[in-house]
Amino acid sequence: MRKTLGLLSLAIAVVLFGPQTSVRPAAAQTPQSVLSAQIRLQGFTCDKALGATRDKKRSRPDYAVWVLRCSNATYRVSRPPDMAAKVEVLP
């Protein structure tokens, strides 16, 4: 019993007074980072995502349409829920 209390006290002391570790939050997910990852998974090239704007005219509820600007191309990305994105290369 005494040994268990000693180990418990030691564990609490290590947690409270031990070396402080910081947990780094995950990188902020922006629309451009999410969209560029999505199109890369589908085989398109996006070397560096420069920006993403929502196409309000083409978007509908549960069907988002974005224009993704990459350093090498511009894409229109349509994202229906639970399906692969529809990707069009824009001139």
N, C-alpha and C. Protein backbone atom coordinates (compact mmCIF):
# COMPACT_ATOMS: atom_id res chain seq x y z
N MET A 1 0.83 -1.19 0.00
CA MET A 1 0.00 0.00 0.00
C MET A 1 0.87 1.25 0.00
N ARG A 2 1.90 1.23 0.86
CA ARG A 2 2.77 2.39 0.98
C ARG A 2 3.55 2.62 -0.32
N LYS A 3 3.98 1.53 -0.97
CA LYS A 3 4.71 1.63 -2.23
C LYS A 3 3.82 2.21 -3.32
N THR A 4 2.54 1.81 -3.35
CA THR A 4 1.59 2.31 -4.34
C THR A 4 1.37 3.80 -4.16
N LEU A 5 1.24 4.26 -2.92
CA LEU A 5 1.06 5.69 -2.66
C LEU A 5 2.29 6.48 -3.09
N GLY A 6 3.46 5.90 -2.85
CA GLY A 6 4.70 6.56 -3.25
C GLY A 6 4.79 6.71 -4.76
N LEU A 7 4.43 5.67 -5.49
CA LEU A 7 4.46 5.72 -6.96
C LEU A 7 3.41 6.69 -7.49
N LEU A 8 2.26 6.70 -6.86
CA LEU A 8 1.20 7.62 -7.26
C LEU A 8 1.63 9.06 -7.03
N SER A 9 2.25 9.32 -5.89
CA SER A 9 2.74 10.67 -5.60
C SER A 9 3.81 11.09 -6.60
N LEU A 10 4.69 10.16 -6.93
CA LEU A 10 5.74 10.45 -7.90
C LEU A 10 5.14 10.76 -9.27
N ALA A 11 4.15 9.99 -9.69
CA ALA A 11 3.51 10.21 -10.98
C ALA A 11 2.83 11.57 -11.03
N ILE A 12 2.17 11.94 -9.96
CA ILE A 12 1.50 13.25 -9.90
C ILE A 12 2.53 14.37 -9.95
N ALA A 13 3.63 14.20 -9.21
CA ALA A 13 4.68 15.23 -9.21
C ALA A 13 5.29 15.40 -10.59
N VAL A 14 5.51 14.30 -11.31
CA VAL A 14 6.08 14.38 -12.65
C VAL A 14 5.12 15.11 -13.59
N VAL A 15 3.84 14.82 -13.49
CA VAL A 15 2.86 15.47 -14.35
C VAL A 15 2.77 16.96 -14.04
N LEU A 16 2.76 17.31 -12.76
CA LEU A 16 2.59 18.71 -12.37
C LEU A 16 3.86 19.53 -12.52
N PHE A 17 5.00 18.95 -12.19
CA PHE A 17 6.23 19.72 -12.13
C PHE A 17 7.30 19.26 -13.12
N GLY A 18 7.00 18.31 -13.95
CA GLY A 18 7.96 17.79 -14.91
C GLY A 18 8.16 18.77 -16.05
N PRO A 19 8.96 18.37 -17.03
CA PRO A 19 9.22 19.26 -18.16
C PRO A 19 7.92 19.59 -18.90
N GLN A 20 7.79 20.84 -19.23
CA GLN A 20 6.59 21.29 -19.93
C GLN A 20 6.71 20.98 -21.41
N THR A 21 5.75 20.30 -21.92
CA THR A 21 5.72 20.02 -23.35
C THR A 21 4.57 20.81 -23.94
N SER A 22 4.83 21.36 -25.07
CA SER A 22 3.76 22.11 -25.73
C SER A 22 3.21 21.30 -26.88
N VAL A 23 1.94 21.30 -27.00
CA VAL A 23 1.29 20.62 -28.10
C VAL A 23 1.03 21.66 -29.17
N ARG A 24 1.64 21.47 -30.30
CA ARG A 24 1.49 22.42 -31.38
C ARG A 24 0.19 22.15 -32.11
N PRO A 25 -0.66 23.17 -32.28
CA PRO A 25 -1.92 22.92 -32.99
C PRO A 25 -1.65 22.60 -34.45
N ALA A 26 -2.55 21.87 -35.02
CA ALA A 26 -2.43 21.54 -36.44
C ALA A 26 -2.48 22.82 -37.27
N ALA A 27 -1.87 22.76 -38.42
CA ALA A 27 -1.87 23.93 -39.30
C ALA A 27 -3.30 24.32 -39.63
N ALA A 28 -3.53 25.60 -39.66
CA ALA A 28 -4.88 26.09 -39.95
C ALA A 28 -5.28 25.63 -41.35
N GLN A 29 -6.45 25.08 -41.44
CA GLN A 29 -6.92 24.61 -42.74
C GLN A 29 -7.71 25.72 -43.41
N THR A 30 -7.15 26.22 -44.48
CA THR A 30 -7.82 27.24 -45.27
C THR A 30 -8.48 26.55 -46.45
N PRO A 31 -9.45 27.21 -47.08
CA PRO A 31 -10.07 26.60 -48.26
C PRO A 31 -9.04 26.23 -49.33
N GLN A 32 -8.04 27.09 -49.52
CA GLN A 32 -7.05 26.79 -50.56
C GLN A 32 -6.21 25.56 -50.21
N SER A 33 -5.89 25.35 -48.94
CA SER A 33 -5.11 24.16 -48.58
C SER A 33 -5.95 22.89 -48.71
N VAL A 34 -7.21 22.97 -48.33
CA VAL A 34 -8.10 21.81 -48.44
C VAL A 34 -8.35 21.46 -49.91
N LEU A 35 -8.63 22.47 -50.72
CA LEU A 35 -8.91 22.23 -52.14
C LEU A 35 -7.68 21.74 -52.88
N SER A 36 -6.52 22.31 -52.58
CA SER A 36 -5.32 21.87 -53.28
C SER A 36 -4.98 20.42 -52.91
N ALA A 37 -5.19 20.05 -51.67
CA ALA A 37 -4.97 18.65 -51.27
C ALA A 37 -5.95 17.73 -51.99
N GLN A 38 -7.20 18.18 -52.11
CA GLN A 38 -8.22 17.38 -52.78
C GLN A 38 -7.86 17.12 -54.24
N ILE A 39 -7.47 18.17 -54.97
CA ILE A 39 -7.19 17.96 -56.39
C ILE A 39 -5.89 17.18 -56.60
N ARG A 40 -4.94 17.33 -55.68
CA ARG A 40 -3.72 16.51 -55.78
C ARG A 40 -4.04 15.03 -55.63
N LEU A 41 -4.95 14.71 -54.71
CA LEU A 41 -5.36 13.32 -54.53
C LEU A 41 -6.03 12.76 -55.78
N GLN A 42 -6.62 13.63 -56.55
CA GLN A 42 -7.32 13.20 -57.76
C GLN A 42 -6.41 13.28 -59.00
N GLY A 43 -5.12 13.55 -58.81
CA GLY A 43 -4.18 13.48 -59.91
C GLY A 43 -3.85 14.78 -60.60
N PHE A 44 -4.36 15.89 -60.12
CA PHE A 44 -4.04 17.19 -60.72
C PHE A 44 -2.82 17.78 -60.02
N THR A 45 -2.16 18.71 -60.72
CA THR A 45 -0.96 19.34 -60.16
C THR A 45 -1.30 20.72 -59.63
N CYS A 46 -0.93 20.96 -58.39
CA CYS A 46 -1.04 22.29 -57.79
C CYS A 46 0.23 22.49 -56.99
N ASP A 47 1.23 23.11 -57.64
CA ASP A 47 2.54 23.27 -57.00
C ASP A 47 2.43 24.11 -55.73
N LYS A 48 1.78 25.25 -55.83
CA LYS A 48 1.62 26.12 -54.67
C LYS A 48 0.26 26.79 -54.78
N ALA A 49 -0.58 26.59 -53.79
CA ALA A 49 -1.91 27.21 -53.80
C ALA A 49 -1.77 28.68 -53.46
N LEU A 50 -2.26 29.54 -54.36
CA LEU A 50 -2.15 30.99 -54.16
C LEU A 50 -3.42 31.60 -53.59
N GLY A 51 -4.55 30.96 -53.81
CA GLY A 51 -5.80 31.49 -53.28
C GLY A 51 -7.00 30.71 -53.78
N ALA A 52 -8.09 30.84 -53.05
CA ALA A 52 -9.34 30.17 -53.43
C ALA A 52 -10.48 31.13 -53.15
N THR A 53 -11.37 31.26 -54.13
CA THR A 53 -12.55 32.11 -53.96
C THR A 53 -13.79 31.28 -54.28
N ARG A 54 -14.82 31.50 -53.51
CA ARG A 54 -16.07 30.77 -53.71
C ARG A 54 -16.81 31.38 -54.89
N ASP A 55 -17.28 30.53 -55.78
CA ASP A 55 -18.07 30.97 -56.92
C ASP A 55 -19.53 30.95 -56.49
N LYS A 56 -20.01 32.10 -56.03
CA LYS A 56 -21.37 32.18 -55.47
C LYS A 56 -22.44 31.92 -56.52
N LYS A 57 -22.15 32.28 -57.76
CA LYS A 57 -23.13 32.11 -58.84
C LYS A 57 -23.38 30.62 -59.13
N ARG A 58 -22.34 29.80 -59.09
CA ARG A 58 -22.47 28.38 -59.41
C ARG A 58 -22.74 27.51 -58.18
N SER A 59 -22.46 28.02 -57.00
CA SER A 59 -22.67 27.23 -55.78
C SER A 59 -24.15 27.13 -55.43
N ARG A 60 -24.50 26.03 -54.80
CA ARG A 60 -25.86 25.80 -54.29
C ARG A 60 -25.73 25.20 -52.90
N PRO A 61 -26.82 25.10 -52.18
CA PRO A 61 -26.74 24.40 -50.90
C PRO A 61 -26.24 22.97 -51.11
N ASP A 62 -25.31 22.53 -50.32
CA ASP A 62 -24.70 21.20 -50.41
C ASP A 62 -23.93 20.97 -51.71
N TYR A 63 -23.54 22.02 -52.41
CA TYR A 63 -22.75 21.88 -53.63
C TYR A 63 -21.90 23.14 -53.78
N ALA A 64 -20.72 23.10 -53.20
CA ALA A 64 -19.84 24.27 -53.21
C ALA A 64 -18.98 24.27 -54.47
N VAL A 65 -18.83 25.43 -55.07
CA VAL A 65 -17.97 25.60 -56.24
C VAL A 65 -16.94 26.66 -55.90
N TRP A 66 -15.68 26.33 -56.13
CA TRP A 66 -14.57 27.21 -55.82
C TRP A 66 -13.68 27.40 -57.04
N VAL A 67 -13.02 28.54 -57.12
CA VAL A 67 -11.98 28.76 -58.12
C VAL A 67 -10.67 28.77 -57.34
N LEU A 68 -9.81 27.81 -57.65
CA LEU A 68 -8.53 27.64 -56.96
C LEU A 68 -7.42 28.11 -57.88
N ARG A 69 -6.65 29.08 -57.41
CA ARG A 69 -5.49 29.56 -58.17
C ARG A 69 -4.24 28.90 -57.62
N CYS A 70 -3.52 28.22 -58.48
CA CYS A 70 -2.24 27.61 -58.12
C CYS A 70 -1.15 28.31 -58.93
N SER A 71 0.10 28.09 -58.56
CA SER A 71 1.19 28.75 -59.27
C SER A 71 1.32 28.26 -60.70
N ASN A 72 0.81 27.08 -61.01
CA ASN A 72 0.95 26.53 -62.35
C ASN A 72 -0.37 26.47 -63.13
N ALA A 73 -1.51 26.66 -62.50
CA ALA A 73 -2.80 26.57 -63.20
C ALA A 73 -3.91 27.14 -62.32
N THR A 74 -5.08 27.31 -62.95
CA THR A 74 -6.28 27.73 -62.23
C THR A 74 -7.35 26.67 -62.46
N TYR A 75 -8.05 26.29 -61.40
CA TYR A 75 -9.03 25.23 -61.47
C TYR A 75 -10.37 25.70 -60.93
N ARG A 76 -11.45 25.16 -61.49
CA ARG A 76 -12.77 25.30 -60.89
C ARG A 76 -13.07 23.96 -60.25
N VAL A 77 -13.31 23.99 -58.95
CA VAL A 77 -13.49 22.76 -58.19
C VAL A 77 -14.91 22.75 -57.63
N SER A 78 -15.69 21.76 -58.04
CA SER A 78 -17.06 21.57 -57.56
C SER A 78 -17.04 20.43 -56.57
N ARG A 79 -17.61 20.67 -55.38
CA ARG A 79 -17.54 19.67 -54.32
C ARG A 79 -18.91 19.22 -53.85
N PRO A 80 -19.45 18.18 -54.48
CA PRO A 80 -20.69 17.61 -53.96
C PRO A 80 -20.37 16.82 -52.69
N PRO A 81 -21.31 16.72 -51.78
CA PRO A 81 -21.04 15.99 -50.53
C PRO A 81 -20.81 14.50 -50.78
N ASP A 82 -19.84 13.93 -50.07
CA ASP A 82 -19.56 12.48 -50.08
C ASP A 82 -19.19 11.94 -51.46
N MET A 83 -18.63 12.78 -52.31
CA MET A 83 -18.19 12.33 -53.63
C MET A 83 -16.88 13.01 -53.97
N ALA A 84 -16.21 12.51 -54.99
CA ALA A 84 -14.99 13.15 -55.45
C ALA A 84 -15.33 14.51 -56.05
N ALA A 85 -14.38 15.41 -55.97
CA ALA A 85 -14.59 16.75 -56.52
C ALA A 85 -14.55 16.68 -58.05
N LYS A 86 -15.33 17.54 -58.68
CA LYS A 86 -15.28 17.71 -60.13
C LYS A 86 -14.31 18.87 -60.38
N VAL A 87 -13.26 18.61 -61.15
CA VAL A 87 -12.20 19.59 -61.36
C VAL A 87 -12.14 19.96 -62.82
N GLU A 88 -12.17 21.26 -63.10
CA GLU A 88 -12.03 21.77 -64.47
C GLU A 88 -10.83 22.69 -64.50
N VAL A 89 -9.98 22.54 -65.51
CA VAL A 89 -8.85 23.44 -65.69
C VAL A 89 -9.36 24.68 -66.42
N LEU A 90 -9.11 25.85 -65.85
CA LEU A 90 -9.55 27.10 -66.47
C LEU A 90 -8.39 27.72 -67.24
N PRO A 91 -8.72 28.41 -68.33
CA PRO A 91 -7.65 29.04 -69.11
C PRO A 91 -7.03 30.23 -68.39
